[in-house]
C-alpha atoms as a PDB file:
ATOM      1  CA  MET A   1     -26.622 -86.556  16.549  1.00  0.00           C
ATOM      2  CA  PRO A   2     -28.603 -89.592  17.576  1.00  0.00           C
ATOM      3  CA  ALA A   3     -26.509 -92.441  18.979  1.00  0.00           C
ATOM      4  CA  ARG A   4     -26.894 -96.105  18.046  1.00  0.00           C
ATOM      5  CA  ASP A   5     -27.701 -98.754  20.614  1.00  0.00           C
ATOM      6  CA  ASN A   6     -24.163-100.058  20.572  1.00  0.00           C
ATOM      7  CA  GLY A   7     -22.743 -96.561  21.591  1.00  0.00           C
ATOM      8  CA  HIS A   8     -21.441 -95.463  18.155  1.00  0.00           C
ATOM      9  CA  GLU A   9     -22.458 -92.190  16.474  1.00  0.00           C
ATOM     10  CA  GLU A  10     -24.403 -92.352  13.277  1.00  0.00           C
ATOM     11  CA  PRO A  11     -22.569 -91.201  10.229  1.00  0.00           C
ATOM     12  CA  VAL A  12     -23.467 -87.733   8.951  1.00  0.00           C
ATOM     13  CA  ILE A  13     -24.499 -87.674   5.340  1.00  0.00           C
ATOM     14  CA  ARG A  14     -24.375 -84.421   3.440  1.00  0.00           C
ATOM     15  CA  ASP A  15     -26.023 -84.156   0.096  1.00  0.00           C
ATOM     16  CA  ASN A  16     -23.692 -81.857  -1.898  1.00  0.00           C
ATOM     17  CA  ARG A  17     -25.385 -82.376  -5.210  1.00  0.00           C
ATOM     18  CA  LYS A  18     -25.893 -79.158  -7.134  1.00  0.00           C
ATOM     19  CA  ILE A  19     -29.193 -80.351  -8.576  1.00  0.00           C
ATOM     20  CA  ASP A  20     -32.041 -81.518  -6.375  1.00  0.00           C
ATOM     21  CA  PRO A  21     -32.927 -85.064  -7.485  1.00  0.00           C
ATOM     22  CA  GLU A  22     -36.592 -84.622  -6.625  1.00  0.00           C
ATOM     23  CA  THR A  23     -37.290 -81.244  -8.318  1.00  0.00           C
ATOM     24  CA  GLY A  24     -34.507 -81.129 -10.884  1.00  0.00           C
ATOM     25  CA  GLN A  25     -33.802 -77.511  -9.890  1.00  0.00           C
ATOM     26  CA  ALA A  26     -30.376 -76.076  -9.131  1.00  0.00           C
ATOM     27  CA  ARG A  27     -29.669 -75.834  -5.435  1.00  0.00           C
ATOM     28  CA  GLU A  28     -28.173 -72.821  -3.725  1.00  0.00           C
ATOM     29  CA  ALA A  29     -24.887 -73.614  -2.101  1.00  0.00           C
ATOM     30  CA  LYS A  30     -25.344 -73.856   1.643  1.00  0.00           C
ATOM     31  CA  LEU A  31     -22.402 -72.841   3.748  1.00  0.00           C
ATOM     32  CA  SER A  32     -21.759 -73.789   7.307  1.00  0.00           C
ATOM     33  CA  GLU A  33     -21.708 -70.983   9.843  1.00  0.00           C
ATOM     34  CA  GLN A  34     -17.898 -71.022   9.943  1.00  0.00           C
ATOM     35  CA  GLU A  35     -17.650 -70.972   6.154  1.00  0.00           C
ATOM     36  CA  ALA A  36     -20.173 -68.109   5.963  1.00  0.00           C
ATOM     37  CA  ALA A  37     -18.276 -66.095   8.596  1.00  0.00           C
ATOM     38  CA  ALA A  38     -14.972 -66.742   6.830  1.00  0.00           C
ATOM     39  CA  ALA A  39     -16.496 -65.671   3.508  1.00  0.00           C
ATOM     40  CA  GLU A  40     -17.954 -62.461   5.024  1.00  0.00           C
ATOM     41  CA  ALA A  41     -14.738 -61.433   6.826  1.00  0.00           C
ATOM     42  CA  PRO A  42     -12.901 -60.245   3.692  1.00  0.00           C
ATOM     43  CA  VAL A  43     -16.082 -58.514   2.470  1.00  0.00           C
ATOM     44  CA  ALA A  44     -16.479 -56.701   5.803  1.00  0.00           C
ATOM     45  CA  ALA A  45     -12.812 -55.675   5.751  1.00  0.00           C
ATOM     46  CA  HIS A  46     -13.164 -54.523   2.144  1.00  0.00           C
ATOM     47  CA  ASP A  47     -16.357 -52.576   3.007  1.00  0.00           C
ATOM     48  CA  GLY A  48     -14.559 -50.886   5.922  1.00  0.00           C
ATOM     49  CA  GLU A  49     -11.693 -49.913   3.645  1.00  0.00           C
ATOM     50  CA  LEU A  50     -14.129 -48.561   1.041  1.00  0.00           C
ATOM     51  CA  ALA A  51     -15.990 -46.591   3.708  1.00  0.00           C
ATOM     52  CA  ALA A  52     -12.712 -45.051   4.919  1.00  0.00           C
ATOM     53  CA  GLN A  53     -11.725 -44.113   1.351  1.00  0.00           C
ATOM     54  CA  LEU A  54     -15.169 -42.668   0.715  1.00  0.00           C
ATOM     55  CA  ALA A  55     -14.979 -40.559   3.891  1.00  0.00           C
ATOM     56  CA  GLU A  56     -11.506 -39.334   2.907  1.00  0.00           C
ATOM     57  CA  ARG A  57     -12.623 -38.406  -0.635  1.00  0.00           C
ATOM     58  CA  THR A  58     -15.736 -36.684   0.721  1.00  0.00           C
ATOM     59  CA  SER A  59     -13.597 -34.682   3.124  1.00  0.00           C
ATOM     60  CA  ASP A  60     -11.231 -33.724   0.272  1.00  0.00           C
ATOM     61  CA  LEU A  61     -14.169 -32.590  -1.880  1.00  0.00           C
ATOM     62  CA  GLN A  62     -15.677 -30.545   0.949  1.00  0.00           C
ATOM     63  CA  ARG A  63     -12.311 -28.880   1.595  1.00  0.00           C
ATOM     64  CA  LEU A  64     -11.871 -28.100  -2.124  1.00  0.00           C
ATOM     65  CA  GLN A  65     -15.393 -26.700  -2.336  1.00  0.00           C
ATOM     66  CA  ALA A  66     -14.764 -24.455   0.687  1.00  0.00           C
ATOM     67  CA  GLU A  67     -11.464 -23.261  -0.802  1.00  0.00           C
ATOM     68  CA  TYR A  68     -13.155 -22.506  -4.131  1.00  0.00           C
ATOM     69  CA  THR A  69     -15.992 -20.619  -2.413  1.00  0.00           C
ATOM     70  CA  ASN A  70     -13.475 -18.554  -0.436  1.00  0.00           C
ATOM     71  CA  TYR A  71     -11.482 -17.898  -3.620  1.00  0.00           C
ATOM     72  CA  ARG A  72     -14.607 -16.664  -5.435  1.00  0.00           C
ATOM     73  CA  ARG A  73     -15.492 -14.351  -2.536  1.00  0.00           C
ATOM     74  CA  ARG A  74     -11.944 -13.013  -2.397  1.00  0.00           C
ATOM     75  CA  VAL A  75     -11.899 -12.354  -6.164  1.00  0.00           C
ATOM     76  CA  GLU A  76     -15.271 -10.588  -5.984  1.00  0.00           C
ATOM     77  CA  ARG A  77     -14.146  -8.493  -2.993  1.00  0.00           C
ATOM     78  CA  ASP A  78     -10.915  -7.553  -4.803  1.00  0.00           C
ATOM     79  CA  ARG A  79     -12.837  -6.697  -7.966  1.00  0.00           C
ATOM     80  CA  VAL A  80     -15.169  -4.387  -6.018  1.00  0.00           C
ATOM     81  CA  ALA A  81     -12.213  -2.771  -4.216  1.00  0.00           C
ATOM     82  CA  VAL A  82     -10.358  -2.141  -7.498  1.00  0.00           C
ATOM     83  CA  ARG A  83     -13.492  -0.630  -9.039  1.00  0.00           C
ATOM     84  CA  GLU A  84     -14.049   1.640  -6.014  1.00  0.00           C
ATOM     85  CA  GLN A  85     -10.418   2.713  -6.068  1.00  0.00           C
ATOM     86  CA  ALA A  86     -10.599   3.547  -9.794  1.00  0.00           C
ATOM     87  CA  VAL A  87     -13.833   5.529  -9.356  1.00  0.00           C
ATOM     88  CA  ALA A  88     -12.386   7.361  -6.333  1.00  0.00           C
ATOM     89  CA  GLY A  89      -9.275   8.268  -8.342  1.00  0.00           C
ATOM     90  CA  ALA A  90     -11.360   9.640 -11.221  1.00  0.00           C
ATOM     91  CA  LEU A  91     -13.638  11.591  -8.875  1.00  0.00           C
ATOM     92  CA  THR A  92     -10.648  13.096  -7.056  1.00  0.00           C
ATOM     93  CA  GLU A  93      -9.301  14.406 -10.377  1.00  0.00           C
ATOM     94  CA  LEU A  94     -12.655  16.113 -11.075  1.00  0.00           C
ATOM     95  CA  LEU A  95     -12.871  17.962  -7.720  1.00  0.00           C
ATOM     96  CA  PRO A  96     -11.086  21.109  -9.027  1.00  0.00           C
ATOM     97  CA  VAL A  97     -13.666  21.265 -11.843  1.00  0.00           C
ATOM     98  CA  LEU A  98     -16.458  21.152  -9.243  1.00  0.00           C
ATOM     99  CA  ASP A  99     -14.694  23.924  -7.300  1.00  0.00           C
ATOM    100  CA  ASP A 100     -14.640  26.079 -10.449  1.00  0.00           C
ATOM    101  CA  ILE A 101     -18.340  25.366 -11.056  1.00  0.00           C
ATOM    102  CA  GLY A 102     -19.115  26.329  -7.442  1.00  0.00           C
ATOM    103  CA  ARG A 103     -17.206  29.617  -7.739  1.00  0.00           C
ATOM    104  CA  ALA A 104     -18.960  30.419 -11.036  1.00  0.00           C
ATOM    105  CA  ARG A 105     -22.319  29.698  -9.384  1.00  0.00           C
ATOM    106  CA  ASP A 106     -21.466  31.945  -6.394  1.00  0.00           C
ATOM    107  CA  HIS A 107     -20.579  34.824  -8.753  1.00  0.00           C
ATOM    108  CA  GLY A 108     -23.677  34.379 -10.920  1.00  0.00           C
ATOM    109  CA  GLU A 109     -21.650  33.340 -13.952  1.00  0.00           C
ATOM    110  CA  LEU A 110     -23.251  29.909 -14.289  1.00  0.00           C
ATOM    111  CA  THR A 111     -25.861  30.581 -16.975  1.00  0.00           C
ATOM    112  CA  GLY A 112     -27.151  29.179 -20.242  1.00  0.00           C
ATOM    113  CA  GLY A 113     -25.708  26.040 -21.745  1.00  0.00           C
ATOM    114  CA  PHE A 114     -22.830  26.018 -19.276  1.00  0.00           C
ATOM    115  CA  ALA A 115     -25.343  25.699 -16.407  1.00  0.00           C
ATOM    116  CA  LYS A 116     -26.901  22.638 -18.070  1.00  0.00           C
ATOM    117  CA  VAL A 117     -23.470  21.040 -18.572  1.00  0.00           C
ATOM    118  CA  ALA A 118     -22.595  21.733 -14.925  1.00  0.00           C
ATOM    119  CA  GLU A 119     -25.873  20.190 -13.723  1.00  0.00           C
ATOM    120  CA  SER A 120     -25.325  17.104 -15.896  1.00  0.00           C
ATOM    121  CA  LEU A 121     -21.778  16.682 -14.589  1.00  0.00           C
ATOM    122  CA  GLU A 122     -22.886  17.032 -10.958  1.00  0.00           C
ATOM    123  CA  ALA A 123     -25.735  14.523 -11.506  1.00  0.00           C
ATOM    124  CA  ALA A 124     -23.357  11.999 -13.101  1.00  0.00           C
ATOM    125  CA  LEU A 125     -20.863  12.346 -10.237  1.00  0.00           C
ATOM    126  CA  THR A 126     -23.661  11.930  -7.693  1.00  0.00           C
ATOM    127  CA  LYS A 127     -24.670   8.660  -9.406  1.00  0.00           C
ATOM    128  CA  LEU A 128     -21.086   7.467  -8.936  1.00  0.00           C
ATOM    129  CA  GLY A 129     -21.470   8.061  -5.189  1.00  0.00           C
ATOM    130  CA  LEU A 130     -19.842  11.493  -4.783  1.00  0.00           C
ATOM    131  CA  THR A 131     -21.381  13.667  -2.066  1.00  0.00           C
ATOM    132  CA  ALA A 132     -20.324  17.096  -0.873  1.00  0.00           C
ATOM    133  CA  TYR A 133     -20.262  17.907   2.832  1.00  0.00           C
ATOM    134  CA  GLY A 134     -19.296  20.716   5.170  1.00  0.00           C
ATOM    135  CA  GLN A 135     -21.777  23.351   6.279  1.00  0.00           C
ATOM    136  CA  LYS A 136     -21.306  26.500   8.286  1.00  0.00           C
ATOM    137  CA  GLY A 137     -22.141  25.662  11.903  1.00  0.00           C
ATOM    138  CA  ASP A 138     -21.032  21.992  11.770  1.00  0.00           C
ATOM    139  CA  PRO A 139     -19.122  20.803  14.846  1.00  0.00           C
ATOM    140  CA  PHE A 140     -15.434  20.616  13.963  1.00  0.00           C
ATOM    141  CA  ASP A 141     -14.309  17.008  13.362  1.00  0.00           C
ATOM    142  CA  PRO A 142     -10.611  16.648  12.523  1.00  0.00           C
ATOM    143  CA  THR A 143     -11.274  13.358  10.712  1.00  0.00           C
ATOM    144  CA  VAL A 144     -13.379  15.099   8.042  1.00  0.00           C
ATOM    145  CA  HIS A 145     -12.415  18.775   8.383  1.00  0.00           C
ATOM    146  CA  GLU A 146      -9.163  20.605   7.747  1.00  0.00           C
ATOM    147  CA  ALA A 147      -8.827  23.781   9.835  1.00  0.00           C
ATOM    148  CA  LEU A 148      -7.241  26.590   7.796  1.00  0.00           C
ATOM    149  CA  MET A 149      -8.079  29.397  10.242  1.00  0.00           C
ATOM    150  CA  HIS A 150      -8.660  29.460  14.001  1.00  0.00           C
ATOM    151  CA  SER A 151     -10.382  31.987  16.268  1.00  0.00           C
ATOM    152  CA  TYR A 152     -12.379  32.330  19.513  1.00  0.00           C
ATOM    153  CA  SER A 153     -16.031  33.336  19.611  1.00  0.00           C
ATOM    154  CA  PRO A 154     -18.677  33.850  22.322  1.00  0.00           C
ATOM    155  CA  ASP A 155     -21.277  32.478  19.865  1.00  0.00           C
ATOM    156  CA  VAL A 156     -20.072  28.841  19.971  1.00  0.00           C
ATOM    157  CA  THR A 157     -20.098  26.257  22.752  1.00  0.00           C
ATOM    158  CA  GLU A 158     -17.697  23.800  21.090  1.00  0.00           C
ATOM    159  CA  PRO A 159     -15.130  23.936  18.284  1.00  0.00           C
ATOM    160  CA  THR A 160     -17.288  24.813  15.275  1.00  0.00           C
ATOM    161  CA  ALA A 161     -16.800  25.392  11.559  1.00  0.00           C
ATOM    162  CA  VAL A 162     -17.831  29.042  11.275  1.00  0.00           C
ATOM    163  CA  GLU A 163     -16.937  29.312   7.600  1.00  0.00           C
ATOM    164  CA  VAL A 164     -16.497  26.729   4.839  1.00  0.00           C
ATOM    165  CA  LEU A 165     -13.621  27.795   2.597  1.00  0.00           C
ATOM    166  CA  GLN A 166     -13.802  24.710   0.389  1.00  0.00           C
ATOM    167  CA  PRO A 167     -16.407  21.900   0.580  1.00  0.00           C
ATOM    168  CA  GLY A 168     -15.327  18.395   1.389  1.00  0.00           C
ATOM    169  CA  TYR A 169     -16.192  15.386  -0.740  1.00  0.00           C
ATOM    170  CA  ARG A 170     -16.694  11.739   0.101  1.00  0.00           C
ATOM    171  CA  MET A 171     -17.618   8.594  -1.741  1.00  0.00           C
ATOM    172  CA  GLY A 172     -19.590   6.399   0.632  1.00  0.00           C
ATOM    173  CA  ASP A 173     -17.600   6.407   3.878  1.00  0.00           C
ATOM    174  CA  ARG A 174     -14.345   7.279   2.141  1.00  0.00           C
ATOM    175  CA  VAL A 175     -13.228  10.920   2.425  1.00  0.00           C
ATOM    176  CA  LEU A 176     -11.807  12.054  -0.915  1.00  0.00           C
ATOM    177  CA  ARG A 177     -11.033  15.570   0.303  1.00  0.00           C
ATOM    178  CA  PRO A 178     -11.632  17.029   3.763  1.00  0.00           C
ATOM    179  CA  ALA A 179     -13.757  20.169   4.055  1.00  0.00           C
ATOM    180  CA  ARG A 180     -11.458  23.167   4.535  1.00  0.00           C
ATOM    181  CA  VAL A 181     -12.944  25.379   7.227  1.00  0.00           C
ATOM    182  CA  ALA A 182     -12.371  28.271   9.589  1.00  0.00           C
ATOM    183  CA  VAL A 183     -12.793  27.047  13.163  1.00  0.00           C
ATOM    184  CA  ALA A 184     -13.950  29.011  16.186  1.00  0.00           C
ATOM    185  CA  GLU A 185     -13.695  27.831  19.787  1.00  0.00           C
ATOM    186  CA  PRO A 186     -15.585  29.167  22.820  1.00  0.00           C
ATOM    187  CA  GLU A 187     -13.876  32.239  24.351  1.00  0.00           C
ATOM    188  CA  ASP A 188     -13.812  30.744  27.842  1.00  0.00           C
ATOM    189  CA  ALA A 189     -11.781  27.716  26.685  1.00  0.00           C
ATOM    190  CA  PRO A 190      -8.270  27.739  28.188  1.00  0.00           C
ATOM    191  CA  PRO A 191      -5.493  28.212  25.658  1.00  0.00           C
ATOM    192  CA  ALA A 192      -3.721  25.060  24.546  1.00  0.00           C
ATOM    193  CA  SER A 193      -0.467  26.154  26.250  1.00  0.00           C
ATOM    194  CA  ALA A 194      -2.308  26.408  29.626  1.00  0.00           C
ATOM    195  CA  ILE A 195      -3.691  22.873  29.183  1.00  0.00           C
ATOM    196  CA  ASP A 196      -0.196  21.546  28.431  1.00  0.00           C
ATOM    197  CA  GLU A 197       1.225  23.266  31.567  1.00  0.00           C
ATOM    198  CA  GLU A 198      -1.458  21.683  33.791  1.00  0.00           C
ATOM    199  CA  ASP A 199      -0.522  18.190  32.590  1.00  0.00           C
END
């Protein structure tokens, strides 16, 4: 502020009129720096509070969405498992019928209309995922074979299914019935009792 010659400060005059006398237009209220800062402080605090609430709500929504997605996946997985279990149960009940068809085929009794019915049944079961397994000469695997007979043979180099007494069936990776086989081991293999004595 400019000082007068006699050492006193000039008075400060503020024009607080809401209408400019020269233009006749409404004036915008001018705030001092302190007044502006004081006016912005509650707004800034309110904005910070809103931002925190928004972040919390967003986090809640993301968590709910993840839970819902996991729930949908779990329901779909359970639905598929129940369907597979039901199909496996139905296929297991039909295995004796397939055994009878196989025996009739082996004896040449599968002829005429019965042959067509048998082919249709086998095709329908194949579409449902049923596959037969177990061939003469397969290496013996106790996870998919059931040994009904055991012998030793010079013709094999490892435990081998030398005869398939009843085919095995699986649906995908699931074994519905193991193949029932006669197993032969190499003749030079030590007997099981000798192996136990060595241990």
